[in-house]
mmCIF file of all heavy atoms, coordinates in Angstrom:
data_MODEL
# 
_entry.id   MODEL 
# 
loop_
_atom_site.group_PDB 
_atom_site.id 
_atom_site.type_symbol 
_atom_site.label_atom_id 
_atom_site.label_alt_id 
_atom_site.label_comp_id 
_atom_site.label_asym_id 
_atom_site.label_entity_id 
_atom_site.label_seq_id 
_atom_site.pdbx_PDB_ins_code 
_atom_site.Cartn_x 
_atom_site.Cartn_y 
_atom_site.Cartn_z 
_atom_site.occupancy 
_atom_site.B_iso_or_equiv 
_atom_site.pdbx_formal_charge 
_atom_site.auth_seq_id 
_atom_site.auth_comp_id 
_atom_site.auth_asym_id 
_atom_site.auth_atom_id 
_atom_site.pdbx_PDB_model_num 
ATOM 1   N N   . ARG A 1 1  ? -58.708 68.640 125.863 1.00 0.00 ? 1  ARG A N   1 
ATOM 2   C CA  . ARG A 1 1  ? -58.392 69.708 126.844 1.00 0.00 ? 1  ARG A CA  1 
ATOM 3   C C   . ARG A 1 1  ? -59.593 70.647 126.940 1.00 0.00 ? 1  ARG A C   1 
ATOM 4   O O   . ARG A 1 1  ? -60.316 70.843 125.954 1.00 0.00 ? 1  ARG A O   1 
ATOM 5   C CB  . ARG A 1 1  ? -57.174 70.492 126.368 1.00 0.00 ? 1  ARG A CB  1 
ATOM 6   C CG  . ARG A 1 1  ? -55.941 69.727 126.596 1.00 0.00 ? 1  ARG A CG  1 
ATOM 7   C CD  . ARG A 1 1  ? -54.779 70.644 126.338 1.00 0.00 ? 1  ARG A CD  1 
ATOM 8   N NE  . ARG A 1 1  ? -53.569 70.118 126.901 1.00 0.00 ? 1  ARG A NE  1 
ATOM 9   C CZ  . ARG A 1 1  ? -52.367 70.656 126.732 1.00 0.00 ? 1  ARG A CZ  1 
ATOM 10  N NH1 . ARG A 1 1  ? -52.222 71.734 125.972 1.00 0.00 ? 1  ARG A NH1 1 
ATOM 11  N NH2 . ARG A 1 1  ? -51.326 70.121 127.260 1.00 0.00 ? 1  ARG A NH2 1 
ATOM 12  N N   . PRO A 1 2  ? -59.778 71.271 128.091 1.00 0.00 ? 2  PRO A N   1 
ATOM 13  C CA  . PRO A 1 2  ? -60.939 72.190 128.224 1.00 0.00 ? 2  PRO A CA  1 
ATOM 14  C C   . PRO A 1 2  ? -60.910 73.336 127.222 1.00 0.00 ? 2  PRO A C   1 
ATOM 15  O O   . PRO A 1 2  ? -61.968 73.750 126.714 1.00 0.00 ? 2  PRO A O   1 
ATOM 16  C CB  . PRO A 1 2  ? -60.776 72.727 129.646 1.00 0.00 ? 2  PRO A CB  1 
ATOM 17  C CG  . PRO A 1 2  ? -60.032 71.674 130.353 1.00 0.00 ? 2  PRO A CG  1 
ATOM 18  C CD  . PRO A 1 2  ? -59.114 71.079 129.361 1.00 0.00 ? 2  PRO A CD  1 
ATOM 19  N N   . SER A 1 3  ? -59.734 73.830 126.879 1.00 0.00 ? 3  SER A N   1 
ATOM 20  C CA  . SER A 1 3  ? -59.690 74.942 125.900 1.00 0.00 ? 3  SER A CA  1 
ATOM 21  C C   . SER A 1 3  ? -60.098 74.433 124.538 1.00 0.00 ? 3  SER A C   1 
ATOM 22  O O   . SER A 1 3  ? -60.790 75.210 123.796 1.00 0.00 ? 3  SER A O   1 
ATOM 23  C CB  . SER A 1 3  ? -58.254 75.531 125.855 1.00 0.00 ? 3  SER A CB  1 
ATOM 24  O OG  . SER A 1 3  ? -57.373 74.546 125.477 1.00 0.00 ? 3  SER A OG  1 
ATOM 25  N N   . HIS A 1 4  ? -59.795 73.235 124.158 1.00 0.00 ? 4  HIS A N   1 
ATOM 26  C CA  . HIS A 1 4  ? -60.203 72.691 122.881 1.00 0.00 ? 4  HIS A CA  1 
ATOM 27  C C   . HIS A 1 4  ? -61.710 72.447 122.865 1.00 0.00 ? 4  HIS A C   1 
ATOM 28  O O   . HIS A 1 4  ? -62.390 72.717 121.801 1.00 0.00 ? 4  HIS A O   1 
ATOM 29  C CB  . HIS A 1 4  ? -59.468 71.387 122.561 1.00 0.00 ? 4  HIS A CB  1 
ATOM 30  C CG  . HIS A 1 4  ? -58.013 71.567 122.331 1.00 0.00 ? 4  HIS A CG  1 
ATOM 31  N ND1 . HIS A 1 4  ? -57.114 70.553 122.436 1.00 0.00 ? 4  HIS A ND1 1 
ATOM 32  C CD2 . HIS A 1 4  ? -57.282 72.651 121.976 1.00 0.00 ? 4  HIS A CD2 1 
ATOM 33  C CE1 . HIS A 1 4  ? -55.901 70.995 122.175 1.00 0.00 ? 4  HIS A CE1 1 
ATOM 34  N NE2 . HIS A 1 4  ? -55.978 72.274 121.887 1.00 0.00 ? 4  HIS A NE2 1 
ATOM 35  N N   . LEU A 1 5  ? -62.252 71.918 123.946 1.00 0.00 ? 5  LEU A N   1 
ATOM 36  C CA  . LEU A 1 5  ? -63.696 71.683 124.000 1.00 0.00 ? 5  LEU A CA  1 
ATOM 37  C C   . LEU A 1 5  ? -64.485 72.990 123.928 1.00 0.00 ? 5  LEU A C   1 
ATOM 38  O O   . LEU A 1 5  ? -65.519 73.075 123.306 1.00 0.00 ? 5  LEU A O   1 
ATOM 39  C CB  . LEU A 1 5  ? -64.032 70.897 125.285 1.00 0.00 ? 5  LEU A CB  1 
ATOM 40  C CG  . LEU A 1 5  ? -63.493 69.484 125.339 1.00 0.00 ? 5  LEU A CG  1 
ATOM 41  C CD1 . LEU A 1 5  ? -63.828 68.860 126.669 1.00 0.00 ? 5  LEU A CD1 1 
ATOM 42  C CD2 . LEU A 1 5  ? -64.077 68.660 124.204 1.00 0.00 ? 5  LEU A CD2 1 
ATOM 43  N N   . LEU A 1 6  ? -63.930 74.039 124.603 1.00 0.00 ? 6  LEU A N   1 
ATOM 44  C CA  . LEU A 1 6  ? -64.598 75.344 124.565 1.00 0.00 ? 6  LEU A CA  1 
ATOM 45  C C   . LEU A 1 6  ? -64.523 75.913 123.128 1.00 0.00 ? 6  LEU A C   1 
ATOM 46  O O   . LEU A 1 6  ? -65.542 76.461 122.631 1.00 0.00 ? 6  LEU A O   1 
ATOM 47  C CB  . LEU A 1 6  ? -63.908 76.297 125.490 1.00 0.00 ? 6  LEU A CB  1 
ATOM 48  C CG  . LEU A 1 6  ? -64.473 77.714 125.609 1.00 0.00 ? 6  LEU A CG  1 
ATOM 49  C CD1 . LEU A 1 6  ? -65.915 77.665 126.116 1.00 0.00 ? 6  LEU A CD1 1 
ATOM 50  C CD2 . LEU A 1 6  ? -63.614 78.557 126.521 1.00 0.00 ? 6  LEU A CD2 1 
ATOM 51  N N   . LEU A 1 7  ? -63.437 75.714 122.423 1.00 0.00 ? 7  LEU A N   1 
ATOM 52  C CA  . LEU A 1 7  ? -63.336 76.188 121.074 1.00 0.00 ? 7  LEU A CA  1 
ATOM 53  C C   . LEU A 1 7  ? -64.321 75.428 120.141 1.00 0.00 ? 7  LEU A C   1 
ATOM 54  O O   . LEU A 1 7  ? -64.939 76.030 119.304 1.00 0.00 ? 7  LEU A O   1 
ATOM 55  C CB  . LEU A 1 7  ? -61.889 76.019 120.535 1.00 0.00 ? 7  LEU A CB  1 
ATOM 56  C CG  . LEU A 1 7  ? -61.582 76.538 119.166 1.00 0.00 ? 7  LEU A CG  1 
ATOM 57  C CD1 . LEU A 1 7  ? -61.781 78.040 119.117 1.00 0.00 ? 7  LEU A CD1 1 
ATOM 58  C CD2 . LEU A 1 7  ? -60.189 76.129 118.762 1.00 0.00 ? 7  LEU A CD2 1 
ATOM 59  N N   . LEU A 1 8  ? -64.460 74.122 120.339 1.00 0.00 ? 8  LEU A N   1 
ATOM 60  C CA  . LEU A 1 8  ? -65.432 73.342 119.582 1.00 0.00 ? 8  LEU A CA  1 
ATOM 61  C C   . LEU A 1 8  ? -66.866 73.770 119.868 1.00 0.00 ? 8  LEU A C   1 
ATOM 62  O O   . LEU A 1 8  ? -67.703 73.830 118.943 1.00 0.00 ? 8  LEU A O   1 
ATOM 63  C CB  . LEU A 1 8  ? -65.276 71.859 119.871 1.00 0.00 ? 8  LEU A CB  1 
ATOM 64  C CG  . LEU A 1 8  ? -64.053 71.170 119.263 1.00 0.00 ? 8  LEU A CG  1 
ATOM 65  C CD1 . LEU A 1 8  ? -63.947 69.757 119.770 1.00 0.00 ? 8  LEU A CD1 1 
ATOM 66  C CD2 . LEU A 1 8  ? -64.169 71.196 117.752 1.00 0.00 ? 8  LEU A CD2 1 
ATOM 67  N N   . ALA A 1 9  ? -67.161 74.076 121.145 1.00 0.00 ? 9  ALA A N   1 
ATOM 68  C CA  . ALA A 1 9  ? -68.533 74.518 121.464 1.00 0.00 ? 9  ALA A CA  1 
ATOM 69  C C   . ALA A 1 9  ? -68.825 75.883 120.814 1.00 0.00 ? 9  ALA A C   1 
ATOM 70  O O   . ALA A 1 9  ? -69.964 76.076 120.302 1.00 0.00 ? 9  ALA A O   1 
ATOM 71  C CB  . ALA A 1 9  ? -68.631 74.633 122.982 1.00 0.00 ? 9  ALA A CB  1 
ATOM 72  N N   . ILE A 1 10 ? -67.878 76.791 120.799 1.00 0.00 ? 10 ILE A N   1 
ATOM 73  C CA  . ILE A 1 10 ? -68.079 78.104 120.180 1.00 0.00 ? 10 ILE A CA  1 
ATOM 74  C C   . ILE A 1 10 ? -68.238 77.948 118.659 1.00 0.00 ? 10 ILE A C   1 
ATOM 75  O O   . ILE A 1 10 ? -69.125 78.575 118.053 1.00 0.00 ? 10 ILE A O   1 
ATOM 76  C CB  . ILE A 1 10 ? -66.908 79.047 120.547 1.00 0.00 ? 10 ILE A CB  1 
ATOM 77  C CG1 . ILE A 1 10 ? -66.958 79.401 122.002 1.00 0.00 ? 10 ILE A CG1 1 
ATOM 78  C CG2 . ILE A 1 10 ? -66.913 80.299 119.688 1.00 0.00 ? 10 ILE A CG2 1 
ATOM 79  C CD1 . ILE A 1 10 ? -65.776 80.191 122.525 1.00 0.00 ? 10 ILE A CD1 1 
ATOM 80  N N   . ALA A 1 11 ? -67.417 77.042 118.068 1.00 0.00 ? 11 ALA A N   1 
ATOM 81  C CA  . ALA A 1 11 ? -67.541 76.842 116.633 1.00 0.00 ? 11 ALA A CA  1 
ATOM 82  C C   . ALA A 1 11 ? -68.927 76.211 116.266 1.00 0.00 ? 11 ALA A C   1 
ATOM 83  O O   . ALA A 1 11 ? -69.555 76.633 115.318 1.00 0.00 ? 11 ALA A O   1 
ATOM 84  C CB  . ALA A 1 11 ? -66.405 75.898 116.130 1.00 0.00 ? 11 ALA A CB  1 
ATOM 85  N N   . ALA A 1 12 ? -69.377 75.299 117.108 1.00 0.00 ? 12 ALA A N   1 
ATOM 86  C CA  . ALA A 1 12 ? -70.737 74.678 116.845 1.00 0.00 ? 12 ALA A CA  1 
ATOM 87  C C   . ALA A 1 12 ? -71.799 75.743 116.966 1.00 0.00 ? 12 ALA A C   1 
ATOM 88  O O   . ALA A 1 12 ? -72.744 75.761 116.201 1.00 0.00 ? 12 ALA A O   1 
ATOM 89  C CB  . ALA A 1 12 ? -70.948 73.538 117.811 1.00 0.00 ? 12 ALA A CB  1 
ATOM 90  N N   . LEU A 1 13 ? -71.681 76.627 118.015 1.00 0.00 ? 13 LEU A N   1 
ATOM 91  C CA  . LEU A 1 13 ? -72.677 77.673 118.199 1.00 0.00 ? 13 LEU A CA  1 
ATOM 92  C C   . LEU A 1 13 ? -72.720 78.637 117.013 1.00 0.00 ? 13 LEU A C   1 
ATOM 93  O O   . LEU A 1 13 ? -73.803 79.015 116.523 1.00 0.00 ? 13 LEU A O   1 
ATOM 94  C CB  . LEU A 1 13 ? -72.360 78.415 119.472 1.00 0.00 ? 13 LEU A CB  1 
ATOM 95  C CG  . LEU A 1 13 ? -73.337 79.477 119.870 1.00 0.00 ? 13 LEU A CG  1 
ATOM 96  C CD1 . LEU A 1 13 ? -74.702 78.895 120.157 1.00 0.00 ? 13 LEU A CD1 1 
ATOM 97  C CD2 . LEU A 1 13 ? -72.832 80.241 121.116 1.00 0.00 ? 13 LEU A CD2 1 
ATOM 98  N N   . LEU A 1 14 ? -71.542 78.983 116.507 1.00 0.00 ? 14 LEU A N   1 
ATOM 99  C CA  . LEU A 1 14 ? -71.520 79.892 115.346 1.00 0.00 ? 14 LEU A CA  1 
ATOM 100 C C   . LEU A 1 14 ? -71.985 79.184 114.062 1.00 0.00 ? 14 LEU A C   1 
ATOM 101 O O   . LEU A 1 14 ? -72.627 79.824 113.224 1.00 0.00 ? 14 LEU A O   1 
ATOM 102 C CB  . LEU A 1 14 ? -70.082 80.410 115.161 1.00 0.00 ? 14 LEU A CB  1 
ATOM 103 C CG  . LEU A 1 14 ? -69.582 81.385 116.197 1.00 0.00 ? 14 LEU A CG  1 
ATOM 104 C CD1 . LEU A 1 14 ? -68.105 81.711 115.959 1.00 0.00 ? 14 LEU A CD1 1 
ATOM 105 C CD2 . LEU A 1 14 ? -70.405 82.632 116.205 1.00 0.00 ? 14 LEU A CD2 1 
ATOM 106 N N   . LEU A 1 15 ? -71.669 77.925 113.932 1.00 0.00 ? 15 LEU A N   1 
ATOM 107 C CA  . LEU A 1 15 ? -71.986 77.201 112.740 1.00 0.00 ? 15 LEU A CA  1 
ATOM 108 C C   . LEU A 1 15 ? -73.510 76.871 112.627 1.00 0.00 ? 15 LEU A C   1 
ATOM 109 O O   . LEU A 1 15 ? -74.104 77.099 111.583 1.00 0.00 ? 15 LEU A O   1 
ATOM 110 C CB  . LEU A 1 15 ? -71.190 75.900 112.659 1.00 0.00 ? 15 LEU A CB  1 
ATOM 111 C CG  . LEU A 1 15 ? -71.177 75.167 111.342 1.00 0.00 ? 15 LEU A CG  1 
ATOM 112 C CD1 . LEU A 1 15 ? -70.411 76.013 110.288 1.00 0.00 ? 15 LEU A CD1 1 
ATOM 113 C CD2 . LEU A 1 15 ? -70.514 73.816 111.496 1.00 0.00 ? 15 LEU A CD2 1 
ATOM 114 N N   . PHE A 1 16 ? -74.110 76.397 113.716 1.00 0.00 ? 16 PHE A N   1 
ATOM 115 C CA  . PHE A 1 16 ? -75.483 75.972 113.696 1.00 0.00 ? 16 PHE A CA  1 
ATOM 116 C C   . PHE A 1 16 ? -76.458 76.959 114.286 1.00 0.00 ? 16 PHE A C   1 
ATOM 117 O O   . PHE A 1 16 ? -77.648 76.909 114.006 1.00 0.00 ? 16 PHE A O   1 
ATOM 118 C CB  . PHE A 1 16 ? -75.648 74.613 114.429 1.00 0.00 ? 16 PHE A CB  1 
ATOM 119 C CG  . PHE A 1 16 ? -74.857 73.518 113.755 1.00 0.00 ? 16 PHE A CG  1 
ATOM 120 C CD1 . PHE A 1 16 ? -73.729 72.974 114.410 1.00 0.00 ? 16 PHE A CD1 1 
ATOM 121 C CD2 . PHE A 1 16 ? -75.225 73.032 112.524 1.00 0.00 ? 16 PHE A CD2 1 
ATOM 122 C CE1 . PHE A 1 16 ? -73.010 71.952 113.815 1.00 0.00 ? 16 PHE A CE1 1 
ATOM 123 C CE2 . PHE A 1 16 ? -74.494 71.999 111.938 1.00 0.00 ? 16 PHE A CE2 1 
ATOM 124 C CZ  . PHE A 1 16 ? -73.397 71.487 112.580 1.00 0.00 ? 16 PHE A CZ  1 
ATOM 125 N N   . GLY A 1 17 ? -75.997 77.852 115.122 1.00 0.00 ? 17 GLY A N   1 
ATOM 126 C CA  . GLY A 1 17 ? -76.875 78.818 115.742 1.00 0.00 ? 17 GLY A CA  1 
ATOM 127 C C   . GLY A 1 17 ? -77.511 78.232 117.029 1.00 0.00 ? 17 GLY A C   1 
ATOM 128 O O   . GLY A 1 17 ? -77.651 77.021 117.166 1.00 0.00 ? 17 GLY A O   1 
ATOM 129 N N   . PRO A 1 18 ? -77.949 79.120 117.908 1.00 0.00 ? 18 PRO A N   1 
ATOM 130 C CA  . PRO A 1 18 ? -78.460 78.679 119.198 1.00 0.00 ? 18 PRO A CA  1 
ATOM 131 C C   . PRO A 1 18 ? -79.790 77.948 119.116 1.00 0.00 ? 18 PRO A C   1 
ATOM 132 O O   . PRO A 1 18 ? -80.130 77.133 119.967 1.00 0.00 ? 18 PRO A O   1 
ATOM 133 C CB  . PRO A 1 18 ? -78.587 79.965 120.001 1.00 0.00 ? 18 PRO A CB  1 
ATOM 134 C CG  . PRO A 1 18 ? -78.615 81.053 119.015 1.00 0.00 ? 18 PRO A CG  1 
ATOM 135 C CD  . PRO A 1 18 ? -77.858 80.553 117.822 1.00 0.00 ? 18 PRO A CD  1 
ATOM 136 N N   . SER A 1 19 ? -80.573 78.165 118.075 1.00 0.00 ? 19 SER A N   1 
ATOM 137 C CA  . SER A 1 19 ? -81.881 77.532 117.965 1.00 0.00 ? 19 SER A CA  1 
ATOM 138 C C   . SER A 1 19 ? -81.755 76.092 117.483 1.00 0.00 ? 19 SER A C   1 
ATOM 139 O O   . SER A 1 19 ? -82.643 75.237 117.775 1.00 0.00 ? 19 SER A O   1 
ATOM 140 C CB  . SER A 1 19 ? -82.788 78.309 117.084 1.00 0.00 ? 19 SER A CB  1 
ATOM 141 O OG  . SER A 1 19 ? -82.288 78.358 115.768 1.00 0.00 ? 19 SER A OG  1 
ATOM 142 N N   . LYS A 1 20 ? -80.725 75.767 116.768 1.00 0.00 ? 20 LYS A N   1 
ATOM 143 C CA  . LYS A 1 20 ? -80.552 74.376 116.168 1.00 0.00 ? 20 LYS A CA  1 
ATOM 144 C C   . LYS A 1 20 ? -79.810 73.440 117.144 1.00 0.00 ? 20 LYS A C   1 
ATOM 145 O O   . LYS A 1 20 ? -79.960 72.239 117.027 1.00 0.00 ? 20 LYS A O   1 
ATOM 146 C CB  . LYS A 1 20 ? -79.753 74.462 114.886 1.00 0.00 ? 20 LYS A CB  1 
ATOM 147 C CG  . LYS A 1 20 ? -80.584 74.750 113.667 1.00 0.00 ? 20 LYS A CG  1 
ATOM 148 C CD  . LYS A 1 20 ? -81.360 73.485 113.321 1.00 0.00 ? 20 LYS A CD  1 
ATOM 149 C CE  . LYS A 1 20 ? -81.812 73.574 111.903 1.00 0.00 ? 20 LYS A CE  1 
ATOM 150 N NZ  . LYS A 1 20 ? -82.704 72.542 111.565 1.00 0.00 ? 20 LYS A NZ  1 
ATOM 151 N N   . LEU A 1 21 ? -79.009 73.986 118.050 1.00 0.00 ? 21 LEU A N   1 
ATOM 152 C CA  . LEU A 1 21 ? -78.188 73.115 118.917 1.00 0.00 ? 21 LEU A CA  1 
ATOM 153 C C   . LEU A 1 21 ? -79.013 72.143 119.750 1.00 0.00 ? 21 LEU A C   1 
ATOM 154 O O   . LEU A 1 21 ? -78.633 70.979 119.836 1.00 0.00 ? 21 LEU A O   1 
ATOM 155 C CB  . LEU A 1 21 ? -77.235 73.942 119.798 1.00 0.00 ? 21 LEU A CB  1 
ATOM 156 C CG  . LEU A 1 21 ? -76.042 74.540 119.047 1.00 0.00 ? 21 LEU A CG  1 
ATOM 157 C CD1 . LEU A 1 21 ? -75.199 75.332 120.006 1.00 0.00 ? 21 LEU A CD1 1 
ATOM 158 C CD2 . LEU A 1 21 ? -75.210 73.452 118.408 1.00 0.00 ? 21 LEU A CD2 1 
ATOM 159 N N   . PRO A 1 22 ? -80.105 72.570 120.416 1.00 0.00 ? 22 PRO A N   1 
ATOM 160 C CA  . PRO A 1 22 ? -80.863 71.566 121.184 1.00 0.00 ? 22 PRO A CA  1 
ATOM 161 C C   . PRO A 1 22 ? -81.434 70.435 120.296 1.00 0.00 ? 22 PRO A C   1 
ATOM 162 O O   . PRO A 1 22 ? -81.438 69.274 120.709 1.00 0.00 ? 22 PRO A O   1 
ATOM 163 C CB  . PRO A 1 22 ? -81.993 72.381 121.814 1.00 0.00 ? 22 PRO A CB  1 
ATOM 164 C CG  . PRO A 1 22 ? -81.493 73.762 121.834 1.00 0.00 ? 22 PRO A CG  1 
ATOM 165 C CD  . PRO A 1 22 ? -80.605 73.868 120.642 1.00 0.00 ? 22 PRO A CD  1 
ATOM 166 N N   . GLU A 1 23 ? -81.869 70.792 119.107 1.00 0.00 ? 23 GLU A N   1 
ATOM 167 C CA  . GLU A 1 23 ? -82.432 69.821 118.199 1.00 0.00 ? 23 GLU A CA  1 
ATOM 168 C C   . GLU A 1 23 ? -81.310 68.836 117.743 1.00 0.00 ? 23 GLU A C   1 
ATOM 169 O O   . GLU A 1 23 ? -81.564 67.585 117.655 1.00 0.00 ? 23 GLU A O   1 
ATOM 170 C CB  . GLU A 1 23 ? -83.004 70.494 116.966 1.00 0.00 ? 23 GLU A CB  1 
ATOM 171 C CG  . GLU A 1 23 ? -83.657 69.584 115.981 1.00 0.00 ? 23 GLU A CG  1 
ATOM 172 C CD  . GLU A 1 23 ? -84.215 70.344 114.802 1.00 0.00 ? 23 GLU A CD  1 
ATOM 173 O OE1 . GLU A 1 23 ? -84.692 71.493 114.977 1.00 0.00 ? 23 GLU A OE1 1 
ATOM 174 O OE2 . GLU A 1 23 ? -84.134 69.799 113.697 1.00 0.00 ? 23 GLU A OE2 1 
ATOM 175 N N   . LEU A 1 24 ? -80.110 69.339 117.473 1.00 0.00 ? 24 LEU A N   1 
ATOM 176 C CA  . LEU A 1 24 ? -79.037 68.448 117.099 1.00 0.00 ? 24 LEU A CA  1 
ATOM 177 C C   . LEU A 1 24 ? -78.615 67.574 118.263 1.00 0.00 ? 24 LEU A C   1 
ATOM 178 O O   . LEU A 1 24 ? -78.280 66.408 118.044 1.00 0.00 ? 24 LEU A O   1 
ATOM 179 C CB  . LEU A 1 24 ? -77.797 69.335 116.658 1.00 0.00 ? 24 LEU A CB  1 
ATOM 180 C CG  . LEU A 1 24 ? -77.957 70.029 115.329 1.00 0.00 ? 24 LEU A CG  1 
ATOM 181 C CD1 . LEU A 1 24 ? -76.829 71.018 115.101 1.00 0.00 ? 24 LEU A CD1 1 
ATOM 182 C CD2 . LEU A 1 24 ? -78.035 69.020 114.213 1.00 0.00 ? 24 LEU A CD2 1 
ATOM 183 N N   . GLY A 1 25 ? -78.608 68.106 119.476 1.00 0.00 ? 25 GLY A N   1 
ATOM 184 C CA  . GLY A 1 25 ? -78.298 67.276 120.636 1.00 0.00 ? 25 GLY A CA  1 
ATOM 185 C C   . GLY A 1 25 ? -79.288 66.159 120.848 1.00 0.00 ? 25 GLY A C   1 
ATOM 186 O O   . GLY A 1 25 ? -78.927 65.040 121.150 1.00 0.00 ? 25 GLY A O   1 
ATOM 187 N N   . ARG A 1 26 ? -80.575 66.470 120.689 1.00 0.00 ? 26 ARG A N   1 
ATOM 188 C CA  . ARG A 1 26 ? -81.637 65.465 120.814 1.00 0.00 ? 26 ARG A CA  1 
ATOM 189 C C   . ARG A 1 26 ? -81.439 64.365 119.752 1.00 0.00 ? 26 ARG A C   1 
ATOM 190 O O   . ARG A 1 26 ? -81.522 63.162 120.041 1.00 0.00 ? 26 ARG A O   1 
ATOM 191 C CB  . ARG A 1 26 ? -83.001 66.098 120.672 1.00 0.00 ? 26 ARG A CB  1 
ATOM 192 C CG  . ARG A 1 26 ? -83.799 66.060 121.960 1.00 0.00 ? 26 ARG A CG  1 
ATOM 193 C CD  . ARG A 1 26 ? -85.165 66.674 121.739 1.00 0.00 ? 26 ARG A CD  1 
ATOM 194 N NE  . ARG A 1 26 ? -85.123 68.040 122.179 1.00 0.00 ? 26 ARG A NE  1 
ATOM 195 C CZ  . ARG A 1 26 ? -85.279 69.115 121.410 1.00 0.00 ? 26 ARG A CZ  1 
ATOM 196 N NH1 . ARG A 1 26 ? -85.550 68.979 120.130 1.00 0.00 ? 26 ARG A NH1 1 
ATOM 197 N NH2 . ARG A 1 26 ? -85.159 70.338 121.865 1.00 0.00 ? 26 ARG A NH2 1 
ATOM 198 N N   . GLY A 1 27 ? -81.172 64.765 118.540 1.00 0.00 ? 27 GLY A N   1 
ATOM 199 C CA  . GLY A 1 27 ? -80.963 63.810 117.451 1.00 0.00 ? 27 GLY A CA  1 
ATOM 200 C C   . GLY A 1 27 ? -79.783 62.953 117.697 1.00 0.00 ? 27 GLY A C   1 
ATOM 201 O O   . GLY A 1 27 ? -79.808 61.741 117.488 1.00 0.00 ? 27 GLY A O   1 
ATOM 202 N N   . PHE A 1 28 ? -78.700 63.547 118.208 1.00 0.00 ? 28 PHE A N   1 
ATOM 203 C CA  . PHE A 1 28 ? -77.491 62.753 118.493 1.00 0.00 ? 28 PHE A CA  1 
ATOM 204 C C   . PHE A 1 28 ? -77.733 61.776 119.624 1.00 0.00 ? 28 PHE A C   1 
ATOM 205 O O   . PHE A 1 28 ? -77.286 60.600 119.581 1.00 0.00 ? 28 PHE A O   1 
ATOM 206 C CB  . PHE A 1 28 ? -76.331 63.720 118.883 1.00 0.00 ? 28 PHE A CB  1 
ATOM 207 C CG  . PHE A 1 28 ? -75.054 62.998 119.145 1.00 0.00 ? 28 PHE A CG  1 
ATOM 208 C CD1 . PHE A 1 28 ? -74.303 62.460 118.080 1.00 0.00 ? 28 PHE A CD1 1 
ATOM 209 C CD2 . PHE A 1 28 ? -74.565 62.836 120.443 1.00 0.00 ? 28 PHE A CD2 1 
ATOM 210 C CE1 . PHE A 1 28 ? -73.144 61.805 118.324 1.00 0.00 ? 28 PHE A CE1 1 
ATOM 211 C CE2 . PHE A 1 28 ? -73.393 62.165 120.669 1.00 0.00 ? 28 PHE A CE2 1 
ATOM 212 C CZ  . PHE A 1 28 ? -72.690 61.663 119.603 1.00 0.00 ? 28 PHE A CZ  1 
ATOM 213 N N   . GLY A 1 29 ? -78.496 62.203 120.651 1.00 0.00 ? 29 GLY A N   1 
ATOM 214 C CA  . GLY A 1 29 ? -78.811 61.308 121.774 1.00 0.00 ? 29 GLY A CA  1 
ATOM 215 C C   . GLY A 1 29 ? -79.672 60.144 121.290 1.00 0.00 ? 29 GLY A C   1 
ATOM 216 O O   . GLY A 1 29 ? -79.450 58.995 121.702 1.00 0.00 ? 29 GLY A O   1 
# 
């Protein structure tokens, strides 16, 4: 659900920080 995805995105942002998220996305890709 969109609300669950938004909650997961906010949790990831808080957990890893905005500077690490692009690097994690690249690694996952």
